[in-house]
Amino acid sequence: MDRRKFMQTSAVAAAGLGFFPALRGAGGSTAADLLYDISLAQWSLYRTHFSGEMNNLDFPRVARETFGIVAIEYVNTFMREESREPGYVTELKNICNGEGVTSLLIMCDSEGKVGDPDEAARITTVENHYRWVDIAVELGCHSIRVNAASDGDWNTQRDLAADGLRRLTEFADRVDINVIVENHGGISSNGAWLAEVIRTVDHPRCGTLPDFGNFYMGEERGWYDIYQGVEELMPFAKGVSAKTHNFDDAGNERDKDYLRLLRIVLDAGYRGYVGVEYEGNEKPEAEGILLTKALLERCRETLTPEYA
């Protein structure tokens, strides 16, 4: 792992944007003063993780030192096996405490279909998530993020996904953890369907994690309207993922109207964290993260007179 090289490269990217990130947004204002605060989704650094340039224990430090962000969202992929080792989660928590970084949630993938048509498989999927609930508790997170994958027609998938989510939510509720669902491909990227699932679960701890970019339903169905989807999911939101891919010369997302999206977020009464999740190919990860953070800050400044 060449963490020093990564840090140096990230610092160069920050300098190129005209500011040192650790000095911007890291002090002064607090969440109570802001329309929304900014967190960092670990998936923004998936290439860096998969290349071995950093590992999960580096994430809190990199978030603060390199990007000036002190609230983070994990992806279970990057600690799937390590988290089984005795003392690992405690070590991660201690690193966060030392860095002054808050752990918000764990995004959980590859644990099975929460709406599997086979009841035994569905229950196994629910139980596969139990350890992530326990880890979330130890880290001080408020939620785990899951996927509402299923098979069948609209109503069948709705009912199966709601059944699995209800079972998992009832388990997580015992330890004050939310179970939140992201629009994440297939029918789950249909905002109306996912909103219907959450209403069917009908539990205050089961909500959504609207993602600005994940509204592709597949080749057959194509793209769901992102603005409609975000509006449909925001009434249940316990987090927001600010997905970015491409930027113009002014630092705006080329394919998404961020002011429009964030107005939808704020009109729903949401005042929590908005997570930077850069997934583009045109910019290096560090630069994409910083551009996304700067975009969120500019939008917040523009929108504050309207909503403060």
Protein backbone atom coordinates (compact mmCIF):
# COMPACT_ATOMS: atom_id res chain seq x y z
CA MET A 1 0.00 0.00 0.00
CA ASP A 2 1.45 3.37 -1.07
CA ARG A 3 -0.62 5.63 1.14
CA ARG A 4 1.98 8.43 1.01
CA LYS A 5 1.72 8.56 -2.77
CA PHE A 6 -2.07 8.74 -2.55
CA MET A 7 -1.95 11.57 -0.01
CA GLN A 8 0.54 13.52 -2.15
CA THR A 9 -1.58 13.08 -5.26
CA SER A 10 -4.69 14.20 -3.38
CA ALA A 11 -2.92 17.27 -2.04
CA VAL A 12 -1.95 18.26 -5.57
CA ALA A 13 -5.58 17.89 -6.66
CA ALA A 14 -6.68 20.10 -3.77
CA ALA A 15 -4.13 22.75 -4.63
CA GLY A 16 -5.36 22.71 -8.21
CA LEU A 17 -8.83 23.59 -6.97
CA GLY A 18 -7.49 26.59 -5.15
CA PHE A 19 -7.82 25.55 -1.53
CA PHE A 20 -6.48 23.09 1.00
CA PRO A 21 -9.48 20.90 1.88
CA ALA A 22 -8.74 20.41 5.56
CA LEU A 23 -9.21 24.15 6.04
CA ARG A 24 -12.57 24.32 4.29
CA GLY A 25 -15.73 23.11 5.95
CA ALA A 26 -13.83 21.50 8.83
CA GLY A 27 -14.41 24.22 11.40
CA GLY A 28 -16.45 27.29 12.20
CA SER A 29 -19.97 26.29 11.22
CA THR A 30 -21.57 23.26 12.76
CA ALA A 31 -24.35 21.02 11.57
CA ALA A 32 -26.79 23.08 13.66
CA ASP A 33 -25.85 26.21 11.67
CA LEU A 34 -26.10 24.65 8.21
CA LEU A 35 -28.91 23.59 5.89
CA TYR A 36 -27.05 20.29 5.57
CA ASP A 37 -23.64 19.00 6.52
CA ILE A 38 -21.38 17.04 4.19
CA SER A 39 -20.17 13.47 4.63
CA LEU A 40 -17.99 11.20 2.49
CA ALA A 41 -19.15 7.90 1.05
CA GLN A 42 -16.32 5.36 0.97
CA TRP A 43 -17.35 4.18 -2.50
CA SER A 44 -15.89 7.45 -3.82
CA LEU A 45 -12.50 5.82 -3.20
CA TYR A 46 -13.26 2.35 -4.53
CA ARG A 47 -10.45 2.40 -7.09
CA THR A 48 -7.95 3.46 -4.43
CA HIS A 49 -9.17 0.68 -2.14
CA PHE A 50 -9.12 -2.03 -4.79
CA SER A 51 -5.63 -0.99 -5.92
CA GLY A 52 -4.31 -1.44 -2.37
CA GLU A 53 -3.25 2.20 -1.97
CA MET A 54 -5.39 2.50 1.17
CA ASN A 55 -7.43 0.22 3.41
CA ASN A 56 -10.50 0.62 5.56
CA LEU A 57 -8.52 1.73 8.62
CA ASP A 58 -7.07 4.59 6.57
CA PHE A 59 -10.50 5.90 5.58
CA PRO A 60 -11.28 8.12 8.61
CA ARG A 61 -7.86 9.78 8.46
CA VAL A 62 -7.98 10.31 4.70
CA ALA A 63 -11.49 11.78 4.94
CA ARG A 64 -10.36 14.38 7.45
CA GLU A 65 -6.79 15.13 6.37
CA THR A 66 -7.23 15.02 2.61
CA PHE A 67 -10.80 16.19 2.13
CA GLY A 68 -11.68 18.10 5.30
CA ILE A 69 -14.72 15.89 5.87
CA VAL A 70 -15.41 14.59 9.37
CA ALA A 71 -18.41 12.31 8.83
CA ILE A 72 -18.11 9.07 6.88
CA GLU A 73 -20.20 6.33 5.29
CA TYR A 74 -18.60 2.88 5.05
CA VAL A 75 -19.01 0.15 2.44
CA ASN A 76 -18.94 -3.34 3.94
CA THR A 77 -16.93 -4.62 0.95
CA PHE A 78 -13.83 -2.92 2.33
CA MET A 79 -13.98 -4.63 5.71
CA ARG A 80 -15.94 -7.80 4.99
CA GLU A 81 -13.28 -10.21 6.27
CA GLU A 82 -11.22 -7.84 8.44
CA SER A 83 -14.26 -7.02 10.56
CA ARG A 84 -14.39 -10.65 11.70
CA GLU A 85 -10.99 -10.30 13.36
CA PRO A 86 -11.08 -9.73 17.15
CA GLY A 87 -10.48 -6.10 18.00
CA TYR A 88 -10.74 -4.81 14.43
CA VAL A 89 -13.95 -2.82 14.85
CA THR A 90 -12.71 -1.43 18.17
CA GLU A 91 -9.49 -0.32 16.44
CA LEU A 92 -11.52 1.39 13.71
CA LYS A 93 -13.67 3.13 16.30
CA ASN A 94 -10.57 4.32 18.16
CA ILE A 95 -9.12 5.73 14.95
CA CYS A 96 -12.35 7.63 14.32
CA ASN A 97 -12.33 9.00 17.85
CA GLY A 98 -8.72 10.08 17.48
CA GLU A 99 -9.44 11.84 14.20
CA GLY A 100 -12.67 13.43 15.42
CA VAL A 101 -14.60 11.65 12.68
CA THR A 102 -18.23 10.51 13.03
CA SER A 103 -19.35 7.19 11.57
CA LEU A 104 -22.81 7.56 9.99
CA LEU A 105 -23.74 4.34 8.25
CA ILE A 106 -22.56 1.12 6.61
CA MET A 107 -23.57 0.35 3.03
CA CYS A 108 -24.13 -3.41 2.86
CA ASP A 109 -23.78 -5.30 -0.40
CA SER A 110 -23.44 -8.95 -1.48
CA GLU A 111 -25.39 -10.39 1.44
CA GLY A 112 -28.21 -11.91 -0.61
CA LYS A 113 -31.64 -10.76 -1.74
CA VAL A 114 -33.65 -9.23 1.06
CA GLY A 115 -36.74 -9.98 -1.02
CA ASP A 116 -35.75 -13.47 -2.17
CA PRO A 117 -38.85 -15.47 -3.24
CA ASP A 118 -37.52 -18.46 -1.28
CA GLU A 119 -38.42 -17.80 2.35
CA ALA A 120 -35.42 -19.69 3.74
CA ALA A 121 -33.05 -17.74 1.49
CA ARG A 122 -34.79 -14.50 2.44
CA ILE A 123 -34.36 -15.23 6.13
CA THR A 124 -30.70 -16.12 5.56
CA THR A 125 -30.20 -12.76 3.83
CA VAL A 126 -31.82 -10.96 6.76
CA GLU A 127 -29.60 -12.82 9.21
CA ASN A 128 -26.49 -12.08 7.10
CA HIS A 129 -27.08 -8.42 7.90
CA TYR A 130 -27.21 -8.94 11.67
CA ARG A 131 -23.46 -8.62 12.11
CA TRP A 132 -23.48 -5.32 10.22
CA VAL A 133 -26.13 -4.06 12.60
CA ASP A 134 -23.85 -5.03 15.50
CA ILE A 135 -20.86 -3.35 13.87
CA ALA A 136 -22.92 -0.23 13.22
CA VAL A 137 -23.78 -0.09 16.91
CA GLU A 138 -20.13 -0.39 17.95
CA LEU A 139 -19.02 2.31 15.50
CA GLY A 140 -21.82 4.68 16.55
CA CYS A 141 -23.61 4.66 13.18
CA HIS A 142 -27.29 5.51 12.87
CA SER A 143 -28.06 3.13 9.98
CA ILE A 144 -27.13 0.28 7.72
CA ARG A 145 -27.98 0.61 4.02
CA VAL A 146 -29.39 -2.46 2.28
CA ASN A 147 -30.67 -3.33 -1.20
CA ALA A 148 -34.29 -4.25 -1.93
CA ALA A 149 -33.53 -6.97 -4.49
CA SER A 150 -36.27 -9.45 -5.41
CA ASP A 151 -37.91 -11.29 -8.33
CA GLY A 152 -41.38 -11.33 -9.81
CA ASP A 153 -43.97 -8.73 -10.79
CA TRP A 154 -44.41 -5.32 -9.15
CA ASN A 155 -46.64 -6.44 -6.30
CA THR A 156 -44.78 -9.68 -5.63
CA GLN A 157 -41.42 -7.93 -5.37
CA ARG A 158 -42.95 -5.21 -3.21
CA ASP A 159 -44.37 -7.70 -0.74
CA LEU A 160 -41.27 -9.91 -0.64
CA ALA A 161 -38.90 -6.97 -0.18
CA ALA A 162 -41.16 -5.49 2.50
CA ASP A 163 -41.22 -8.81 4.34
CA GLY A 164 -37.44 -9.08 4.45
CA LEU A 165 -37.02 -5.44 5.36
CA ARG A 166 -39.60 -5.70 8.14
CA ARG A 167 -37.81 -8.70 9.65
CA LEU A 168 -34.45 -6.93 9.52
CA THR A 169 -35.83 -3.63 10.79
CA GLU A 170 -37.43 -5.30 13.79
CA PHE A 171 -34.04 -6.80 14.68
CA ALA A 172 -32.20 -3.49 14.18
CA ASP A 173 -34.82 -1.55 16.13
CA ARG A 174 -33.80 -3.40 19.30
CA VAL A 175 -30.45 -1.60 19.18
CA ASP A 176 -31.68 1.73 17.74
CA ILE A 177 -30.30 1.21 14.23
CA ASN A 178 -32.18 2.25 11.10
CA VAL A 179 -32.44 0.09 7.99
CA ILE A 180 -32.38 2.29 4.90
CA VAL A 181 -32.78 1.32 1.27
CA GLU A 182 -31.02 2.92 -1.68
CA ASN A 183 -32.34 3.09 -5.21
CA HIS A 184 -29.72 0.67 -6.52
CA GLY A 185 -30.68 -0.84 -9.86
CA GLY A 186 -33.54 -2.87 -11.25
CA ILE A 187 -36.98 -2.15 -9.87
CA SER A 188 -35.46 -0.50 -6.78
CA SER A 189 -34.49 2.39 -9.07
CA ASN A 190 -38.16 3.04 -9.67
CA GLY A 191 -38.92 5.69 -7.07
CA ALA A 192 -42.64 4.94 -6.92
CA TRP A 193 -42.01 1.24 -6.31
CA LEU A 194 -39.43 1.79 -3.59
CA ALA A 195 -41.61 4.35 -1.85
CA GLU A 196 -44.43 1.81 -1.92
CA VAL A 197 -42.12 -0.79 -0.34
CA ILE A 198 -41.26 1.54 2.53
CA ARG A 199 -44.91 2.36 3.11
CA THR A 200 -45.67 -1.37 3.15
CA VAL A 201 -42.97 -2.02 5.76
CA ASP A 202 -44.55 0.75 7.82
CA HIS A 203 -41.85 1.00 10.47
CA PRO A 204 -40.29 4.30 11.62
CA ARG A 205 -36.80 2.81 11.45
CA CYS A 206 -37.11 1.68 7.83
CA GLY A 207 -36.37 4.48 5.39
CA THR A 208 -34.51 5.44 2.25
CA LEU A 209 -31.11 6.66 1.10
CA PRO A 210 -31.97 8.55 -2.10
CA ASP A 211 -29.04 8.48 -4.54
CA PHE A 212 -29.00 11.24 -7.17
CA GLY A 213 -27.45 8.94 -9.78
CA ASN A 214 -28.80 5.42 -9.29
CA PHE A 215 -32.03 5.58 -11.26
CA TYR A 216 -31.09 3.25 -14.09
CA MET A 217 -33.59 0.38 -14.10
CA GLY A 218 -31.83 -1.76 -16.73
CA GLU A 219 -31.78 -2.06 -20.51
CA GLU A 220 -35.46 -2.88 -20.83
CA ARG A 221 -36.82 -0.08 -18.63
CA GLY A 222 -34.07 2.53 -19.04
CA TRP A 223 -33.77 5.57 -16.79
CA TYR A 224 -36.29 6.70 -14.20
CA ASP A 225 -36.64 10.47 -13.91
CA ILE A 226 -34.09 11.41 -11.26
CA TYR A 227 -35.97 14.45 -9.97
CA GLN A 228 -39.24 12.56 -9.65
CA GLY A 229 -37.43 9.67 -7.99
CA VAL A 230 -35.69 11.84 -5.41
CA GLU A 231 -38.98 13.59 -4.63
CA GLU A 232 -40.73 10.24 -4.13
CA LEU A 233 -38.02 8.90 -1.82
CA MET A 234 -37.30 11.99 0.28
CA PRO A 235 -40.28 11.63 2.66
CA PHE A 236 -38.58 8.51 4.03
CA ALA A 237 -34.96 9.68 3.79
CA LYS A 238 -32.51 9.17 6.64
CA GLY A 239 -29.55 10.10 4.44
CA VAL A 240 -28.82 11.43 0.95
CA SER A 241 -26.16 10.34 -1.55
CA ALA A 242 -24.92 13.16 -3.79
CA LYS A 243 -23.75 11.03 -6.72
CA THR A 244 -21.57 12.79 -9.29
CA HIS A 245 -19.96 11.64 -12.51
CA ASN A 246 -18.99 14.48 -14.86
CA PHE A 247 -18.22 18.16 -14.31
CA ASP A 248 -18.16 21.16 -16.61
CA ASP A 249 -15.47 23.84 -16.53
CA ALA A 250 -17.37 25.76 -13.87
CA GLY A 251 -17.40 22.76 -11.51
CA ASN A 252 -21.07 21.94 -11.99
CA GLU A 253 -22.37 18.41 -12.59
CA ARG A 254 -22.96 18.23 -16.34
CA ASP A 255 -25.92 15.87 -16.25
CA LYS A 256 -27.71 16.78 -13.02
CA ASP A 257 -29.21 20.06 -11.85
CA TYR A 258 -27.85 20.08 -8.31
CA LEU A 259 -29.75 23.16 -7.18
CA ARG A 260 -32.99 21.52 -8.31
CA LEU A 261 -32.10 18.25 -6.57
CA LEU A 262 -31.13 19.95 -3.32
CA ARG A 263 -34.29 22.06 -3.35
CA ILE A 264 -36.24 18.79 -3.48
CA VAL A 265 -34.20 17.53 -0.53
CA LEU A 266 -34.78 20.67 1.51
CA ASP A 267 -38.45 21.01 0.56
CA ALA A 268 -38.95 17.58 2.15
CA GLY A 269 -37.73 19.05 5.44
CA TYR A 270 -34.46 17.13 5.39
CA ARG A 271 -31.58 18.79 7.26
CA GLY A 272 -29.17 15.90 7.77
CA TYR A 273 -25.95 14.87 6.06
CA VAL A 274 -25.54 14.85 2.29
CA GLY A 275 -22.87 12.35 1.29
CA VAL A 276 -20.26 12.98 -1.39
CA GLU A 277 -20.24 9.97 -3.72
CA TYR A 278 -18.07 10.54 -6.78
CA GLU A 279 -18.25 7.73 -9.33
CA GLY A 280 -16.94 9.35 -12.50
CA ASN A 281 -14.16 8.35 -14.85
CA GLU A 282 -13.03 11.71 -16.19
CA LYS A 283 -11.35 12.96 -12.99
CA PRO A 284 -9.13 11.16 -10.48
CA GLU A 285 -11.02 10.14 -7.38
CA ALA A 286 -9.49 12.80 -5.14
CA GLU A 287 -10.31 15.61 -7.57
CA GLY A 288 -13.83 14.29 -8.13
CA ILE A 289 -14.46 14.18 -4.38
CA LEU A 290 -13.23 17.73 -3.93
CA LEU A 291 -15.28 18.98 -6.88
CA THR A 292 -18.39 17.33 -5.43
CA LYS A 293 -17.74 18.80 -2.01
CA ALA A 294 -17.22 22.27 -3.51
CA LEU A 295 -20.44 21.93 -5.53
CA LEU A 296 -22.41 21.01 -2.41
CA GLU A 297 -20.90 23.96 -0.56
CA ARG A 298 -21.78 26.41 -3.37
CA CYS A 299 -25.33 25.10 -3.55
CA ARG A 300 -25.68 25.37 0.21
CA GLU A 301 -24.51 28.98 0.12
CA THR A 302 -26.97 29.77 -2.68
CA LEU A 303 -29.89 28.05 -0.98
CA THR A 304 -29.34 29.30 2.57
CA PRO A 305 -31.23 32.60 2.09
CA GLU A 306 -34.24 30.63 0.81
CA TYR A 307 -34.35 28.01 3.55
CA ALA A 308 -32.56 29.30 6.65
